[in-house]
PDB file of N, CA and C in Angstrom:
ATOM      1  N   MET A   1       8.832  -3.096  31.935  1.00  0.00           N
ATOM      2  CA  MET A   1       8.936  -2.021  30.970  1.00  0.00           C
ATOM      3  C   MET A   1      10.145  -2.260  30.084  1.00  0.00           C
ATOM      4  N   LEU A   2       9.981  -1.998  28.799  1.00  0.00           N
ATOM      5  CA  LEU A   2      11.060  -2.182  27.828  1.00  0.00           C
ATOM      6  C   LEU A   2      11.941  -0.948  27.749  1.00  0.00           C
ATOM      7  N   THR A   3      13.200  -1.190  27.575  1.00  0.00           N
ATOM      8  CA  THR A   3      14.119  -0.085  27.310  1.00  0.00           C
ATOM      9  C   THR A   3      14.287   0.032  25.794  1.00  0.00           C
ATOM     10  N   ASN A   4      14.910   1.085  25.349  1.00  0.00           N
ATOM     11  CA  ASN A   4      15.120   1.285  23.914  1.00  0.00           C
ATOM     12  C   ASN A   4      15.970   0.178  23.305  1.00  0.00           C
ATOM     13  N   ASP A   5      16.918  -0.359  24.068  1.00  0.00           N
ATOM     14  CA  ASP A   5      17.774  -1.419  23.552  1.00  0.00           C
ATOM     15  C   ASP A   5      17.006  -2.720  23.349  1.00  0.00           C
ATOM     16  N   GLN A   6      15.939  -2.941  24.098  1.00  0.00           N
ATOM     17  CA  GLN A   6      15.182  -4.180  24.008  1.00  0.00           C
ATOM     18  C   GLN A   6      14.094  -4.134  22.927  1.00  0.00           C
ATOM     19  N   MET A   7      13.800  -2.963  22.395  1.00  0.00           N
ATOM     20  CA  MET A   7      12.748  -2.847  21.385  1.00  0.00           C
ATOM     21  C   MET A   7      13.216  -3.403  20.044  1.00  0.00           C
ATOM     22  N   THR A   8      12.279  -3.898  19.284  1.00  0.00           N
ATOM     23  CA  THR A   8      12.573  -4.452  17.974  1.00  0.00           C
ATOM     24  C   THR A   8      12.973  -3.322  17.026  1.00  0.00           C
ATOM     25  N   PRO A   9      14.120  -3.452  16.360  1.00  0.00           N
ATOM     26  CA  PRO A   9      14.517  -2.397  15.426  1.00  0.00           C
ATOM     27  C   PRO A   9      13.579  -2.353  14.216  1.00  0.00           C
ATOM     28  N   ASP A  10      13.326  -1.168  13.725  1.00  0.00           N
ATOM     29  CA  ASP A  10      12.461  -0.936  12.555  1.00  0.00           C
ATOM     30  C   ASP A  10      11.062  -1.496  12.737  1.00  0.00           C
ATOM     31  N   ARG A  11      10.539  -1.434  13.946  1.00  0.00           N
ATOM     32  CA  ARG A  11       9.221  -2.026  14.183  1.00  0.00           C
ATOM     33  C   ARG A  11       8.106  -1.249  13.497  1.00  0.00           C
ATOM     34  N   PHE A  12       8.323   0.018  13.166  1.00  0.00           N
ATOM     35  CA  PHE A  12       7.319   0.795  12.454  1.00  0.00           C
ATOM     36  C   PHE A  12       7.712   1.051  11.005  1.00  0.00           C
ATOM     37  N   ALA A  13       8.758   0.399  10.523  1.00  0.00           N
ATOM     38  CA  ALA A  13       9.232   0.632   9.153  1.00  0.00           C
ATOM     39  C   ALA A  13       8.216   0.170   8.122  1.00  0.00           C
ATOM     40  N   ARG A  14       7.588  -0.979   8.346  1.00  0.00           N
ATOM     41  CA  ARG A  14       6.603  -1.491   7.390  1.00  0.00           C
ATOM     42  C   ARG A  14       5.414  -0.540   7.292  1.00  0.00           C
ATOM     43  N   TRP A  15       4.973  -0.018   8.430  1.00  0.00           N
ATOM     44  CA  TRP A  15       3.850   0.913   8.452  1.00  0.00           C
ATOM     45  C   TRP A  15       4.228   2.218   7.740  1.00  0.00           C
ATOM     46  N   ALA A  16       5.440   2.693   7.946  1.00  0.00           N
ATOM     47  CA  ALA A  16       5.899   3.927   7.301  1.00  0.00           C
ATOM     48  C   ALA A  16       5.974   3.747   5.786  1.00  0.00           C
ATOM     49  N   ARG A  17       6.489   2.596   5.320  1.00  0.00           N
ATOM     50  CA  ARG A  17       6.534   2.330   3.879  1.00  0.00           C
ATOM     51  C   ARG A  17       5.133   2.233   3.304  1.00  0.00           C
ATOM     52  N   ALA A  18       4.220   1.603   4.037  1.00  0.00           N
ATOM     53  CA  ALA A  18       2.836   1.469   3.562  1.00  0.00           C
ATOM     54  C   ALA A  18       2.168   2.835   3.445  1.00  0.00           C
ATOM     55  N   ARG A  19       2.406   3.715   4.415  1.00  0.00           N
ATOM     56  CA  ARG A  19       1.820   5.059   4.346  1.00  0.00           C
ATOM     57  C   ARG A  19       2.396   5.855   3.195  1.00  0.00           C
ATOM     58  N   ALA A  20       3.681   5.691   2.911  1.00  0.00           N
ATOM     59  CA  ALA A  20       4.301   6.389   1.781  1.00  0.00           C
ATOM     60  C   ALA A  20       3.735   5.892   0.461  1.00  0.00           C
ATOM     61  N   ARG A  21       3.549   4.582   0.339  1.00  0.00           N
ATOM     62  CA  ARG A  21       2.966   4.022  -0.885  1.00  0.00           C
ATOM     63  C   ARG A  21       1.513   4.447  -1.041  1.00  0.00           C
ATOM     64  N   LEU A  22       0.766   4.503   0.066  1.00  0.00           N
ATOM     65  CA  LEU A  22      -0.624   4.946   0.021  1.00  0.00           C
ATOM     66  C   LEU A  22      -0.707   6.410  -0.397  1.00  0.00           C
ATOM     67  N   ALA A  23       0.199   7.234   0.098  1.00  0.00           N
ATOM     68  CA  ALA A  23       0.230   8.644  -0.296  1.00  0.00           C
ATOM     69  C   ALA A  23       0.528   8.780  -1.788  1.00  0.00           C
ATOM     70  N   PHE A  24       1.434   7.954  -2.316  1.00  0.00           N
ATOM     71  CA  PHE A  24       1.729   7.945  -3.749  1.00  0.00           C
ATOM     72  C   PHE A  24       0.478   7.590  -4.552  1.00  0.00           C
ATOM     73  N   ILE A  25      -0.237   6.560  -4.123  1.00  0.00           N
ATOM     74  CA  ILE A  25      -1.449   6.131  -4.826  1.00  0.00           C
ATOM     75  C   ILE A  25      -2.503   7.228  -4.781  1.00  0.00           C
ATOM     76  N   HIS A  26      -2.744   7.789  -3.602  1.00  0.00           N
ATOM     77  CA  HIS A  26      -3.768   8.828  -3.468  1.00  0.00           C
ATOM     78  C   HIS A  26      -3.425  10.080  -4.276  1.00  0.00           C
ATOM     79  N   LYS A  27      -2.150  10.427  -4.325  1.00  0.00           N
ATOM     80  CA  LYS A  27      -1.732  11.601  -5.098  1.00  0.00           C
ATOM     81  C   LYS A  27      -2.085  11.431  -6.572  1.00  0.00           C
ATOM     82  N   HIS A  28      -1.805  10.268  -7.114  1.00  0.00           N
ATOM     83  CA  HIS A  28      -2.079  10.035  -8.528  1.00  0.00           C
ATOM     84  C   HIS A  28      -3.566   9.836  -8.797  1.00  0.00           C
ATOM     85  N   LEU A  29      -4.300   9.257  -7.858  1.00  0.00           N
ATOM     86  CA  LEU A  29      -5.743   9.126  -8.028  1.00  0.00           C
ATOM     87  C   LEU A  29      -6.411  10.502  -7.996  1.00  0.00           C
ATOM     88  N   ASP A  30      -5.899  11.416  -7.174  1.00  0.00           N
ATOM     89  CA  ASP A  30      -6.429  12.781  -7.131  1.00  0.00           C
ATOM     90  C   ASP A  30      -6.200  13.517  -8.446  1.00  0.00           C
ATOM     91  N   GLN A  31      -5.148  13.151  -9.162  1.00  0.00           N
ATOM     92  CA  GLN A  31      -4.852  13.768 -10.455  1.00  0.00           C
ATOM     93  C   GLN A  31      -5.630  13.114 -11.587  1.00  0.00           C
ATOM     94  N   GLY A  32      -6.470  12.131 -11.273  1.00  0.00           N
ATOM     95  CA  GLY A  32      -7.278  11.468 -12.289  1.00  0.00           C
ATOM     96  C   GLY A  32      -6.569  10.354 -13.028  1.00  0.00           C
ATOM     97  N   ARG A  33      -5.449   9.913 -12.512  1.00  0.00           N
ATOM     98  CA  ARG A  33      -4.688   8.852 -13.153  1.00  0.00           C
ATOM     99  C   ARG A  33      -5.103   7.483 -12.623  1.00  0.00           C
ATOM    100  N   THR A  34      -4.681   6.456 -13.312  1.00  0.00           N
ATOM    101  CA  THR A  34      -4.883   5.081 -12.895  1.00  0.00           C
ATOM    102  C   THR A  34      -3.550   4.555 -12.384  1.00  0.00           C
ATOM    103  N   VAL A  35      -3.576   3.842 -11.269  1.00  0.00           N
ATOM    104  CA  VAL A  35      -2.365   3.255 -10.698  1.00  0.00           C
ATOM    105  C   VAL A  35      -2.453   1.744 -10.869  1.00  0.00           C
ATOM    106  N   TYR A  36      -1.350   1.147 -11.328  1.00  0.00           N
ATOM    107  CA  TYR A  36      -1.284  -0.297 -11.516  1.00  0.00           C
ATOM    108  C   TYR A  36      -0.316  -0.881 -10.498  1.00  0.00           C
ATOM    109  N   SER A  37      -0.780  -1.881  -9.760  1.00  0.00           N
ATOM    110  CA  SER A  37       0.047  -2.604  -8.802  1.00  0.00           C
ATOM    111  C   SER A  37       0.397  -3.941  -9.437  1.00  0.00           C
ATOM    112  N   THR A  38       1.678  -4.161  -9.713  1.00  0.00           N
ATOM    113  CA  THR A  38       2.109  -5.295 -10.515  1.00  0.00           C
ATOM    114  C   THR A  38       2.940  -6.270  -9.701  1.00  0.00           C
ATOM    115  N   THR A  39       2.566  -7.548  -9.768  1.00  0.00           N
ATOM    116  CA  THR A  39       3.381  -8.634  -9.235  1.00  0.00           C
ATOM    117  C   THR A  39       3.896  -9.441 -10.419  1.00  0.00           C
ATOM    118  N   ALA A  40       4.519 -10.571 -10.145  1.00  0.00           N
ATOM    119  CA  ALA A  40       5.014 -11.411 -11.228  1.00  0.00           C
ATOM    120  C   ALA A  40       3.872 -12.058 -12.004  1.00  0.00           C
ATOM    121  N   LEU A  41       2.721 -12.249 -11.359  1.00  0.00           N
ATOM    122  CA  LEU A  41       1.624 -12.966 -11.999  1.00  0.00           C
ATOM    123  C   LEU A  41       0.370 -12.140 -12.235  1.00  0.00           C
ATOM    124  N   ARG A  42       0.244 -10.992 -11.599  1.00  0.00           N
ATOM    125  CA  ARG A  42      -1.021 -10.268 -11.642  1.00  0.00           C
ATOM    126  C   ARG A  42      -0.792  -8.768 -11.715  1.00  0.00           C
ATOM    127  N   VAL A  43      -1.715  -8.101 -12.399  1.00  0.00           N
ATOM    128  CA  VAL A  43      -1.741  -6.638 -12.436  1.00  0.00           C
ATOM    129  C   VAL A  43      -3.090  -6.198 -11.876  1.00  0.00           C
ATOM    130  N   VAL A  44      -3.068  -5.335 -10.863  1.00  0.00           N
ATOM    131  CA  VAL A  44      -4.286  -4.820 -10.253  1.00  0.00           C
ATOM    132  C   VAL A  44      -4.422  -3.359 -10.646  1.00  0.00           C
ATOM    133  N   LYS A  45      -5.547  -3.015 -11.258  1.00  0.00           N
ATOM    134  CA  LYS A  45      -5.816  -1.658 -11.715  1.00  0.00           C
ATOM    135  C   LYS A  45      -6.566  -0.925 -10.605  1.00  0.00           C
ATOM    136  N   LEU A  46      -6.000   0.178 -10.120  1.00  0.00           N
ATOM    137  CA  LEU A  46      -6.604   0.972  -9.056  1.00  0.00           C
ATOM    138  C   LEU A  46      -7.051   2.313  -9.628  1.00  0.00           C
ATOM    139  N   THR A  47      -8.329   2.606  -9.510  1.00  0.00           N
ATOM    140  CA  THR A  47      -8.879   3.872  -9.989  1.00  0.00           C
ATOM    141  C   THR A  47      -9.496   4.611  -8.811  1.00  0.00           C
ATOM    142  N   ALA A  48     -10.065   5.766  -9.080  1.00  0.00           N
ATOM    143  CA  ALA A  48     -10.644   6.582  -8.015  1.00  0.00           C
ATOM    144  C   ALA A  48     -11.789   5.861  -7.306  1.00  0.00           C
ATOM    145  N   LYS A  49     -12.512   4.999  -8.009  1.00  0.00           N
ATOM    146  CA  LYS A  49     -13.616   4.292  -7.362  1.00  0.00           C
ATOM    147  C   LYS A  49     -13.123   3.221  -6.387  1.00  0.00           C
ATOM    148  N   ASN A  50     -11.847   2.816  -6.475  1.00  0.00           N
ATOM    149  CA  ASN A  50     -11.261   1.839  -5.569  1.00  0.00           C
ATOM    150  C   ASN A  50     -10.582   2.477  -4.369  1.00  0.00           C
ATOM    151  N   ARG A  51     -10.719   3.774  -4.205  1.00  0.00           N
ATOM    152  CA  ARG A  51     -10.002   4.502  -3.158  1.00  0.00           C
ATOM    153  C   ARG A  51     -10.273   3.959  -1.752  1.00  0.00           C
ATOM    154  N   ASP A  52     -11.512   3.565  -1.463  1.00  0.00           N
ATOM    155  CA  ASP A  52     -11.834   3.067  -0.121  1.00  0.00           C
ATOM    156  C   ASP A  52     -11.446   1.609   0.062  1.00  0.00           C
ATOM    157  N   GLN A  53     -10.909   0.959  -0.968  1.00  0.00           N
ATOM    158  CA  GLN A  53     -10.484  -0.432  -0.877  1.00  0.00           C
ATOM    159  C   GLN A  53      -8.977  -0.560  -0.672  1.00  0.00           C
ATOM    160  N   ILE A  54      -8.324   0.548  -0.366  1.00  0.00           N
ATOM    161  CA  ILE A  54      -6.882   0.567  -0.157  1.00  0.00           C
ATOM    162  C   ILE A  54      -6.627   1.150   1.226  1.00  0.00           C
ATOM    163  N   ARG A  55      -5.799   0.466   2.022  1.00  0.00           N
ATOM    164  CA  ARG A  55      -5.486   1.017   3.339  1.00  0.00           C
ATOM    165  C   ARG A  55      -4.074   0.630   3.771  1.00  0.00           C
ATOM    166  N   ALA A  56      -3.507   1.488   4.600  1.00  0.00           N
ATOM    167  CA  ALA A  56      -2.184   1.238   5.163  1.00  0.00           C
ATOM    168  C   ALA A  56      -2.363   0.899   6.637  1.00  0.00           C
ATOM    169  N   THR A  57      -1.816  -0.228   7.045  1.00  0.00           N
ATOM    170  CA  THR A  57      -1.884  -0.658   8.444  1.00  0.00           C
ATOM    171  C   THR A  57      -0.474  -0.976   8.919  1.00  0.00           C
ATOM    172  N   LYS A  58      -0.354  -1.371  10.161  1.00  0.00           N
ATOM    173  CA  LYS A  58       0.953  -1.742  10.696  1.00  0.00           C
ATOM    174  C   LYS A  58       1.504  -2.989  10.029  1.00  0.00           C
ATOM    175  N   THR A  59       0.630  -3.774   9.395  1.00  0.00           N
ATOM    176  CA  THR A  59       1.087  -4.973   8.694  1.00  0.00           C
ATOM    177  C   THR A  59       1.424  -4.698   7.243  1.00  0.00           C
ATOM    178  N   GLY A  60       1.162  -3.494   6.743  1.00  0.00           N
ATOM    179  CA  GLY A  60       1.544  -3.142   5.386  1.00  0.00           C
ATOM    180  C   GLY A  60       0.406  -2.541   4.590  1.00  0.00           C
ATOM    181  N   LEU A  61       0.618  -2.401   3.290  1.00  0.00           N
ATOM    182  CA  LEU A  61      -0.373  -1.867   2.370  1.00  0.00           C
ATOM    183  C   LEU A  61      -1.322  -2.986   1.974  1.00  0.00           C
ATOM    184  N   LEU A  62      -2.612  -2.791   2.220  1.00  0.00           N
ATOM    185  CA  LEU A  62      -3.607  -3.813   1.941  1.00  0.00           C
ATOM    186  C   LEU A  62      -4.603  -3.300   0.909  1.00  0.00           C
ATOM    187  N   VAL A  63      -4.978  -4.186  -0.023  1.00  0.00           N
ATOM    188  CA  VAL A  63      -5.977  -3.884  -1.040  1.00  0.00           C
ATOM    189  C   VAL A  63      -7.060  -4.947  -0.932  1.00  0.00           C
ATOM    190  N   GLN A  64      -8.303  -4.507  -0.930  1.00  0.00           N
ATOM    191  CA  GLN A  64      -9.414  -5.432  -0.778  1.00  0.00           C
ATOM    192  C   GLN A  64      -9.721  -6.120  -2.103  1.00  0.00           C
ATOM    193  N   HIS A  65      -9.792  -7.449  -2.042  1.00  0.00           N
ATOM    194  CA  HIS A  65     -10.176  -8.284  -3.178  1.00  0.00           C
ATOM    195  C   HIS A  65     -11.338  -9.142  -2.710  1.00  0.00           C
ATOM    196  N   GLY A  66     -12.559  -8.745  -3.051  1.00  0.00           N
ATOM    197  CA  GLY A  66     -13.735  -9.460  -2.545  1.00  0.00           C
ATOM    198  C   GLY A  66     -13.872  -9.214  -1.062  1.00  0.00           C
ATOM    199  N   ASN A  67     -13.918 -10.277  -0.282  1.00  0.00           N
ATOM    200  CA  ASN A  67     -14.000 -10.145   1.179  1.00  0.00           C
ATOM    201  C   ASN A  67     -12.633 -10.198   1.847  1.00  0.00           C
ATOM    202  N   LYS A  68     -11.575 -10.403   1.080  1.00  0.00           N
ATOM    203  CA  LYS A  68     -10.228 -10.549   1.629  1.00  0.00           C
ATOM    204  C   LYS A  68      -9.438  -9.254   1.455  1.00  0.00           C
ATOM    205  N   TRP A  69      -8.473  -9.042   2.339  1.00  0.00           N
ATOM    206  CA  TRP A  69      -7.529  -7.937   2.232  1.00  0.00           C
ATOM    207  C   TRP A  69      -6.163  -8.541   1.937  1.00  0.00           C
ATOM    208  N   LEU A  70      -5.622  -8.281   0.748  1.00  0.00           N
ATOM    209  CA  LEU A  70      -4.347  -8.847   0.335  1.00  0.00           C
ATOM    210  C   LEU A  70      -3.234  -7.814   0.431  1.00  0.00           C
ATOM    211  N   SER A  71      -2.062  -8.281   0.814  1.00  0.00           N
ATOM    212  CA  SER A  71      -0.905  -7.406   0.964  1.00  0.00           C
ATOM    213  C   SER A  71      -0.350  -7.032  -0.404  1.00  0.00           C
ATOM    214  N   HIS A  72      -0.049  -5.745  -0.565  1.00  0.00           N
ATOM    215  CA  HIS A  72       0.583  -5.241  -1.787  1.00  0.00           C
ATOM    216  C   HIS A  72       1.882  -4.531  -1.421  1.00  0.00           C
ATOM    217  N   ASP A  73       2.596  -5.080  -0.442  1.00  0.00           N
ATOM    218  CA  ASP A  73       3.840  -4.466   0.015  1.00  0.00           C
ATOM    219  C   ASP A  73       4.956  -4.563  -1.014  1.00  0.00           C
ATOM    220  N   TYR A  74       5.071  -5.685  -1.658  1.00  0.00           N
ATOM    221  CA  TYR A  74       6.218  -5.927  -2.529  1.00  0.00           C
ATOM    222  C   TYR A  74       5.821  -5.906  -3.998  1.00  0.00           C
ATOM    223  N   THR A  75       4.900  -5.038  -4.351  1.00  0.00           N
ATOM    224  CA  THR A  75       4.481  -4.892  -5.733  1.00  0.00           C
ATOM    225  C   THR A  75       5.145  -3.651  -6.331  1.00  0.00           C
ATOM    226  N   THR A  76       5.121  -3.575  -7.649  1.00  0.00           N
ATOM    227  CA  THR A  76       5.626  -2.402  -8.350  1.00  0.00           C
ATOM    228  C   THR A  76       4.443  -1.501  -8.681  1.00  0.00           C
ATOM    229  N   LEU A  77       4.535  -0.232  -8.320  1.00  0.00           N
ATOM    230  CA  LEU A  77       3.472   0.711  -8.601  1.00  0.00           C
ATOM    231  C   LEU A  77       3.839   1.551  -9.811  1.00  0.00           C
ATOM    232  N   THR A  78       2.951   1.548 -10.813  1.00  0.00           N
ATOM    233  CA  THR A  78       3.134   2.386 -11.984  1.00  0.00           C
ATOM    234  C   THR A  78       1.844   3.156 -12.229  1.00  0.00           C
ATOM    235  N   THR A  79       1.927   4.241 -12.988  1.00  0.00           N
ATOM    236  CA  THR A  79       0.745   5.066 -13.242  1.00  0.00           C
ATOM    237  C   THR A  79       0.543   5.209 -14.737  1.00  0.00           C
ATOM    238  N   SER A  80      -0.694   5.560 -15.087  1.00  0.00           N
ATOM    239  CA  SER A  80      -0.992   5.859 -16.480  1.00  0.00           C
ATOM    240  C   SER A  80      -0.546   7.281 -16.800  1.00  0.00           C
ATOM    241  N   ALA A  81      -0.285   7.542 -18.047  1.00  0.00           N
ATOM    242  CA  ALA A  81       0.195   8.875 -18.443  1.00  0.00           C
ATOM    243  C   ALA A  81      -0.882   9.914 -18.412  1.00  0.00           C
TER     244      ALA A  81
END
């Protein structure tokens, strides 16, 4: 059995950040806005029809691209006006 001292620090931090980002996305999608997830090379447009293609897991925020689930942990989230 593990003690608190032996546990990995911030082991649920990635999941907590992913849930916060997912809540931000869902809030703006509920308001009818478009959310853009921006990296250095790509911009992904997320609308209400993409709602089921976004999920938060223990490994981070994932967005479905075709048959793959890609991480969007370190992207910039912006919304349309």
